[in-house]
C-alpha atoms as a PDB file:
ATOM      1  CA  MET A   1      62.092 -42.800 -30.820  1.00  0.00           C
ATOM      2  CA  ILE A   2      60.112 -40.122 -32.494  1.00  0.00           C
ATOM      3  CA  ARG A   3      56.950 -41.670 -31.222  1.00  0.00           C
ATOM      4  CA  ARG A   4      58.052 -41.561 -27.559  1.00  0.00           C
ATOM      5  CA  LYS A   5      58.996 -37.906 -27.795  1.00  0.00           C
ATOM      6  CA  LYS A   6      55.503 -36.924 -29.007  1.00  0.00           C
ATOM      7  CA  GLU A   7      53.831 -38.934 -26.280  1.00  0.00           C
ATOM      8  CA  ARG A   8      55.798 -37.176 -23.575  1.00  0.00           C
ATOM      9  CA  GLU A   9      54.985 -33.666 -24.738  1.00  0.00           C
ATOM     10  CA  ALA A  10      51.768 -32.369 -23.219  1.00  0.00           C
ATOM     11  CA  THR A  11      49.566 -30.449 -25.552  1.00  0.00           C
ATOM     12  CA  GLU A  12      48.726 -26.952 -24.425  1.00  0.00           C
ATOM     13  CA  ILE A  13      45.199 -25.546 -24.395  1.00  0.00           C
ATOM     14  CA  ASN A  14      44.914 -22.067 -25.746  1.00  0.00           C
ATOM     15  CA  ALA A  15      43.388 -20.073 -22.834  1.00  0.00           C
ATOM     16  CA  GLY A  16      43.421 -16.750 -24.583  1.00  0.00           C
ATOM     17  CA  SER A  17      39.734 -16.904 -25.494  1.00  0.00           C
ATOM     18  CA  MET A  18      38.594 -18.256 -22.094  1.00  0.00           C
ATOM     19  CA  ALA A  19      38.323 -14.721 -20.643  1.00  0.00           C
ATOM     20  CA  ASP A  20      36.149 -13.708 -23.587  1.00  0.00           C
ATOM     21  CA  ILE A  21      33.860 -16.699 -23.115  1.00  0.00           C
ATOM     22  CA  ALA A  22      33.564 -16.079 -19.363  1.00  0.00           C
ATOM     23  CA  PHE A  23      32.774 -12.424 -20.011  1.00  0.00           C
ATOM     24  CA  LEU A  24      30.079 -13.348 -22.578  1.00  0.00           C
ATOM     25  CA  LEU A  25      28.518 -15.862 -20.167  1.00  0.00           C
ATOM     26  CA  LEU A  26      28.509 -13.226 -17.397  1.00  0.00           C
ATOM     27  CA  ILE A  27      26.763 -10.683 -19.658  1.00  0.00           C
ATOM     28  CA  PHE A  28      24.281 -13.358 -20.780  1.00  0.00           C
ATOM     29  CA  PHE A  29      23.283 -14.268 -17.218  1.00  0.00           C
ATOM     30  CA  LEU A  30      23.073 -10.632 -16.118  1.00  0.00           C
ATOM     31  CA  VAL A  31      20.767  -9.785 -18.997  1.00  0.00           C
ATOM     32  CA  THR A  32      18.508 -12.824 -18.696  1.00  0.00           C
ATOM     33  CA  THR A  33      18.185 -12.877 -14.898  1.00  0.00           C
ATOM     34  CA  THR A  34      15.184 -11.089 -13.394  1.00  0.00           C
ATOM     35  CA  ILE A  35      15.839  -9.134 -10.250  1.00  0.00           C
ATOM     36  CA  VAL A  36      13.060  -9.383  -7.707  1.00  0.00           C
ATOM     37  CA  SER A  37      12.287  -6.061  -6.102  1.00  0.00           C
ATOM     38  CA  ASP A  38      10.544  -5.767  -2.781  1.00  0.00           C
ATOM     39  CA  SER A  39       6.993  -4.578  -3.019  1.00  0.00           C
ATOM     40  CA  ALA A  40       5.741  -2.279  -0.311  1.00  0.00           C
ATOM     41  CA  LEU A  41       2.478  -0.953   0.961  1.00  0.00           C
ATOM     42  CA  PRO A  42       1.342   2.181  -0.894  1.00  0.00           C
ATOM     43  CA  PHE A  43       1.469   4.728   1.893  1.00  0.00           C
ATOM     44  CA  THR A  44       2.404   8.340   1.532  1.00  0.00           C
ATOM     45  CA  LEU A  45       4.402   9.606   4.409  1.00  0.00           C
ATOM     46  CA  PRO A  46       3.926  13.142   5.634  1.00  0.00           C
ATOM     47  CA  GLU A  47       6.429  15.733   4.507  1.00  0.00           C
ATOM     48  CA  LYS A  48       9.305  16.508   6.817  1.00  0.00           C
ATOM     49  CA  THR A  49       8.854  19.773   8.640  1.00  0.00           C
ATOM     50  CA  ASP A  50      10.984  21.765  11.053  1.00  0.00           C
ATOM     51  CA  GLN A  51       7.937  22.893  13.033  1.00  0.00           C
ATOM     52  CA  PRO A  52       7.049  20.988  16.204  1.00  0.00           C
ATOM     53  CA  PRO A  53       3.950  18.774  16.003  1.00  0.00           C
ATOM     54  CA  VAL A  54       0.710  20.458  16.925  1.00  0.00           C
ATOM     55  CA  ASP A  55      -1.060  18.973  19.914  1.00  0.00           C
ATOM     56  CA  VAL A  56      -4.660  18.413  18.780  1.00  0.00           C
ATOM     57  CA  LYS A  57      -7.413  17.622  21.237  1.00  0.00           C
ATOM     58  CA  ILE A  58      -9.619  14.841  19.872  1.00  0.00           C
ATOM     59  CA  ASN A  59     -12.727  13.643  21.634  1.00  0.00           C
ATOM     60  CA  ASP A  60     -12.161  10.028  22.636  1.00  0.00           C
ATOM     61  CA  LYS A  61     -15.509   8.913  21.236  1.00  0.00           C
ATOM     62  CA  ASN A  62     -14.353  10.020  17.765  1.00  0.00           C
ATOM     63  CA  ILE A  63     -11.509   7.492  17.805  1.00  0.00           C
ATOM     64  CA  PHE A  64     -12.148   3.866  16.785  1.00  0.00           C
ATOM     65  CA  LYS A  65      -9.259   1.947  18.390  1.00  0.00           C
ATOM     66  CA  VAL A  66      -8.006  -1.300  16.904  1.00  0.00           C
ATOM     67  CA  ILE A  67      -5.095  -3.118  18.537  1.00  0.00           C
ATOM     68  CA  VAL A  68      -3.474  -6.363  17.475  1.00  0.00           C
ATOM     69  CA  ASN A  69      -1.100  -8.062  19.903  1.00  0.00           C
ATOM     70  CA  SER A  70       1.858 -10.289  19.172  1.00  0.00           C
ATOM     71  CA  SER A  71      -0.374 -13.373  19.321  1.00  0.00           C
ATOM     72  CA  ASP A  72      -2.546 -11.934  16.497  1.00  0.00           C
ATOM     73  CA  LYS A  73      -5.462 -11.330  18.910  1.00  0.00           C
ATOM     74  CA  LEU A  74      -7.667  -8.305  18.289  1.00  0.00           C
ATOM     75  CA  LEU A  75      -8.835  -5.723  20.769  1.00  0.00           C
ATOM     76  CA  VAL A  76     -11.361  -3.345  19.237  1.00  0.00           C
ATOM     77  CA  GLU A  77     -12.734  -0.567  21.401  1.00  0.00           C
ATOM     78  CA  ASP A  78     -11.588  -2.486  24.501  1.00  0.00           C
ATOM     79  CA  ASP A  79     -13.465  -5.645  23.446  1.00  0.00           C
ATOM     80  CA  ILE A  80     -11.901  -8.869  22.149  1.00  0.00           C
ATOM     81  CA  MET A  81     -13.078  -9.364  18.611  1.00  0.00           C
ATOM     82  CA  GLU A  82     -12.633 -11.649  15.612  1.00  0.00           C
ATOM     83  CA  LEU A  83     -11.282 -10.405  12.285  1.00  0.00           C
ATOM     84  CA  ALA A  84     -14.631 -11.014  10.577  1.00  0.00           C
ATOM     85  CA  GLN A  85     -16.388  -8.543  12.912  1.00  0.00           C
ATOM     86  CA  ILE A  86     -14.090  -5.550  12.434  1.00  0.00           C
ATOM     87  CA  ARG A  87     -15.648  -4.320   9.185  1.00  0.00           C
ATOM     88  CA  GLU A  88     -19.183  -4.159  10.575  1.00  0.00           C
ATOM     89  CA  GLU A  89     -18.057  -2.427  13.784  1.00  0.00           C
ATOM     90  CA  ALA A  90     -16.073   0.133  11.787  1.00  0.00           C
ATOM     91  CA  ILE A  91     -19.079   0.767   9.517  1.00  0.00           C
ATOM     92  CA  LYS A  92     -21.296   1.371  12.564  1.00  0.00           C
ATOM     93  CA  PHE A  93     -18.699   3.799  13.936  1.00  0.00           C
ATOM     94  CA  LEU A  94     -18.321   5.699  10.637  1.00  0.00           C
ATOM     95  CA  GLU A  95     -22.060   5.897   9.876  1.00  0.00           C
ATOM     96  CA  ASN A  96     -23.127   6.968  13.359  1.00  0.00           C
ATOM     97  CA  LYS A  97     -23.426  10.725  12.630  1.00  0.00           C
ATOM     98  CA  GLY A  98     -24.007  11.511  16.293  1.00  0.00           C
ATOM     99  CA  ARG A  99     -26.953   9.138  16.885  1.00  0.00           C
ATOM    100  CA  ASP A 100     -25.154   6.951  19.455  1.00  0.00           C
ATOM    101  CA  LYS A 101     -23.466   9.071  22.087  1.00  0.00           C
ATOM    102  CA  ASP A 102     -20.625   6.547  22.440  1.00  0.00           C
ATOM    103  CA  LEU A 103     -19.659   6.627  18.761  1.00  0.00           C
ATOM    104  CA  SER A 104     -18.338   9.322  16.431  1.00  0.00           C
ATOM    105  CA  ASP A 105     -20.070  12.674  16.033  1.00  0.00           C
ATOM    106  CA  SER A 106     -19.716  12.708  12.239  1.00  0.00           C
ATOM    107  CA  PRO A 107     -17.792  10.889   9.503  1.00  0.00           C
ATOM    108  CA  LYS A 108     -15.481  13.894   9.160  1.00  0.00           C
ATOM    109  CA  ASP A 109     -14.584  13.682  12.864  1.00  0.00           C
ATOM    110  CA  ALA A 110     -14.198   9.903  12.889  1.00  0.00           C
ATOM    111  CA  ILE A 111     -10.639   8.604  13.119  1.00  0.00           C
ATOM    112  CA  VAL A 112      -9.707   4.949  12.943  1.00  0.00           C
ATOM    113  CA  SER A 113      -6.579   4.266  15.005  1.00  0.00           C
ATOM    114  CA  TYR A 114      -4.768   1.022  14.243  1.00  0.00           C
ATOM    115  CA  ARG A 115      -1.812  -0.263  16.235  1.00  0.00           C
ATOM    116  CA  ALA A 116      -0.044  -3.609  16.074  1.00  0.00           C
ATOM    117  CA  ASP A 117       2.641  -5.050  18.311  1.00  0.00           C
ATOM    118  CA  ARG A 118       6.029  -5.811  16.829  1.00  0.00           C
ATOM    119  CA  GLY A 119       5.342  -9.526  17.044  1.00  0.00           C
ATOM    120  CA  THR A 120       2.129  -9.326  15.016  1.00  0.00           C
ATOM    121  CA  SER A 121       2.301 -11.447  11.846  1.00  0.00           C
ATOM    122  CA  TYR A 122       2.526  -9.571   8.596  1.00  0.00           C
ATOM    123  CA  GLU A 123      -0.557 -11.453   7.323  1.00  0.00           C
ATOM    124  CA  MET A 124      -2.669 -10.374  10.297  1.00  0.00           C
ATOM    125  CA  PHE A 125      -1.476  -6.777   9.986  1.00  0.00           C
ATOM    126  CA  ILE A 126      -2.509  -6.661   6.308  1.00  0.00           C
ATOM    127  CA  ASN A 127      -5.845  -8.466   6.913  1.00  0.00           C
ATOM    128  CA  VAL A 128      -6.889  -5.992   9.579  1.00  0.00           C
ATOM    129  CA  LEU A 129      -5.819  -3.086   7.439  1.00  0.00           C
ATOM    130  CA  ASP A 130      -7.802  -4.463   4.504  1.00  0.00           C
ATOM    131  CA  GLU A 131     -10.918  -4.830   6.663  1.00  0.00           C
ATOM    132  CA  LEU A 132     -10.630  -1.228   7.883  1.00  0.00           C
ATOM    133  CA  LYS A 133     -10.205   0.086   4.356  1.00  0.00           C
ATOM    134  CA  ALA A 134     -13.112  -2.100   3.187  1.00  0.00           C
ATOM    135  CA  ALA A 135     -15.333  -0.433   5.810  1.00  0.00           C
ATOM    136  CA  TYR A 136     -14.550   2.940   4.252  1.00  0.00           C
ATOM    137  CA  HIS A 137     -15.307   1.539   0.770  1.00  0.00           C
ATOM    138  CA  VAL A 138     -18.663   0.190   1.979  1.00  0.00           C
ATOM    139  CA  VAL A 139     -19.828   3.467   3.575  1.00  0.00           C
ATOM    140  CA  ARG A 140     -18.648   5.419   0.506  1.00  0.00           C
ATOM    141  CA  ALA A 141     -20.556   3.127  -1.810  1.00  0.00           C
ATOM    142  CA  LYS A 142     -23.696   3.553   0.349  1.00  0.00           C
ATOM    143  CA  GLU A 143     -23.222   7.315   0.211  1.00  0.00           C
ATOM    144  CA  LEU A 144     -23.269   7.159  -3.596  1.00  0.00           C
ATOM    145  CA  GLY A 145     -26.156   4.701  -3.656  1.00  0.00           C
ATOM    146  CA  ILE A 146     -24.218   2.049  -5.561  1.00  0.00           C
ATOM    147  CA  SER A 147     -22.983  -1.430  -4.779  1.00  0.00           C
ATOM    148  CA  LEU A 148     -19.524  -2.070  -3.361  1.00  0.00           C
ATOM    149  CA  ASP A 149     -18.432  -3.737  -6.588  1.00  0.00           C
ATOM    150  CA  ALA A 150     -19.623  -0.734  -8.616  1.00  0.00           C
ATOM    151  CA  TYR A 151     -17.764   1.610  -6.266  1.00  0.00           C
ATOM    152  CA  LEU A 152     -14.515  -0.377  -6.576  1.00  0.00           C
ATOM    153  CA  ALA A 153     -14.932  -0.398 -10.386  1.00  0.00           C
ATOM    154  CA  LEU A 154     -15.006   3.405 -10.606  1.00  0.00           C
ATOM    155  CA  ASP A 155     -12.149   4.730 -12.704  1.00  0.00           C
ATOM    156  CA  LYS A 156     -10.101   7.610 -11.252  1.00  0.00           C
ATOM    157  CA  GLU A 157      -9.173   8.716 -14.777  1.00  0.00           C
ATOM    158  CA  ASP A 158     -12.783   9.117 -15.964  1.00  0.00           C
ATOM    159  CA  LYS A 159     -14.153  12.576 -15.140  1.00  0.00           C
ATOM    160  CA  ALA A 160     -17.623  11.416 -14.113  1.00  0.00           C
ATOM    161  CA  ASP A 161     -16.252   8.599 -11.957  1.00  0.00           C
ATOM    162  CA  LYS A 162     -13.682  10.931 -10.399  1.00  0.00           C
ATOM    163  CA  LYS A 163     -16.464  13.334  -9.461  1.00  0.00           C
ATOM    164  CA  LEU A 164     -18.328  10.491  -7.709  1.00  0.00           C
ATOM    165  CA  LEU A 165     -15.171   9.344  -5.956  1.00  0.00           C
ATOM    166  CA  ASP A 166     -14.486  12.883  -4.759  1.00  0.00           C
ATOM    167  CA  LYS A 167     -18.047  13.216  -3.451  1.00  0.00           C
ATOM    168  CA  ALA A 168     -17.694   9.951  -1.525  1.00  0.00           C
ATOM    169  CA  LYS A 169     -14.284  10.924  -0.164  1.00  0.00           C
ATOM    170  CA  GLU A 170     -15.615  14.294   0.984  1.00  0.00           C
ATOM    171  CA  ALA A 171     -18.517  12.649   2.821  1.00  0.00           C
ATOM    172  CA  TYR A 172     -16.322   9.925   4.358  1.00  0.00           C
ATOM    173  CA  PRO A 173     -12.668  11.003   4.455  1.00  0.00           C
ATOM    174  CA  MET A 174     -10.377   8.055   5.164  1.00  0.00           C
ATOM    175  CA  GLN A 175      -8.771   9.107   8.397  1.00  0.00           C
ATOM    176  CA  LEU A 176      -6.857   5.974   9.196  1.00  0.00           C
ATOM    177  CA  SER A 177      -4.041   6.400  11.691  1.00  0.00           C
ATOM    178  CA  ILE A 178      -1.458   3.626  11.842  1.00  0.00           C
ATOM    179  CA  ALA A 179       0.325   4.081  15.175  1.00  0.00           C
ATOM    180  CA  GLU A 180       3.899   3.065  15.872  1.00  0.00           C
ATOM    181  CA  PRO A 181       4.067  -0.550  16.997  1.00  0.00           C
ATOM    182  CA  SER A 182       4.576  -1.306  20.647  1.00  0.00           C
ATOM    183  CA  LYS A 183       7.503  -3.442  21.777  1.00  0.00           C
ATOM    184  CA  PHE A 184       5.452  -6.239  23.343  1.00  0.00           C
END
């Protein structure tokens, strides 16, 4: 009889420490999990101002227009172009210094205007932007009389290198305008 009574009684599990264990597991996973943050393009936006924008007249020949459509096709200066050709065309435009009447008057007047449609792939947008920036790096390196690799290796923290970088930036200021995307 005693045996049957013990078999019928269900043993209870002490759940008092379950909350502590769950809390410790939660803390463990929160501490050990890495949170992926979105990386963004390093652009500095202009400061907000209450003044209306100033309407500036820019000679059309001083603007190098690059447009990418939603099919990732390039239109550079009203000509269809491949990605590999953009850098050389931009270099010609920036280095013109008034020699060709259809290109920029001087590097300080030269503006590179880049616009992409909303359907443009992110990869294409970045590739074109990289090529345009690379054109500036090439002309700046030529201005300093050093190779592109040597220019890219210059350290902004070193005083001598910073002086060279400032000289190159003064000769060829990076005036890269990224226009608002079109809807098509």
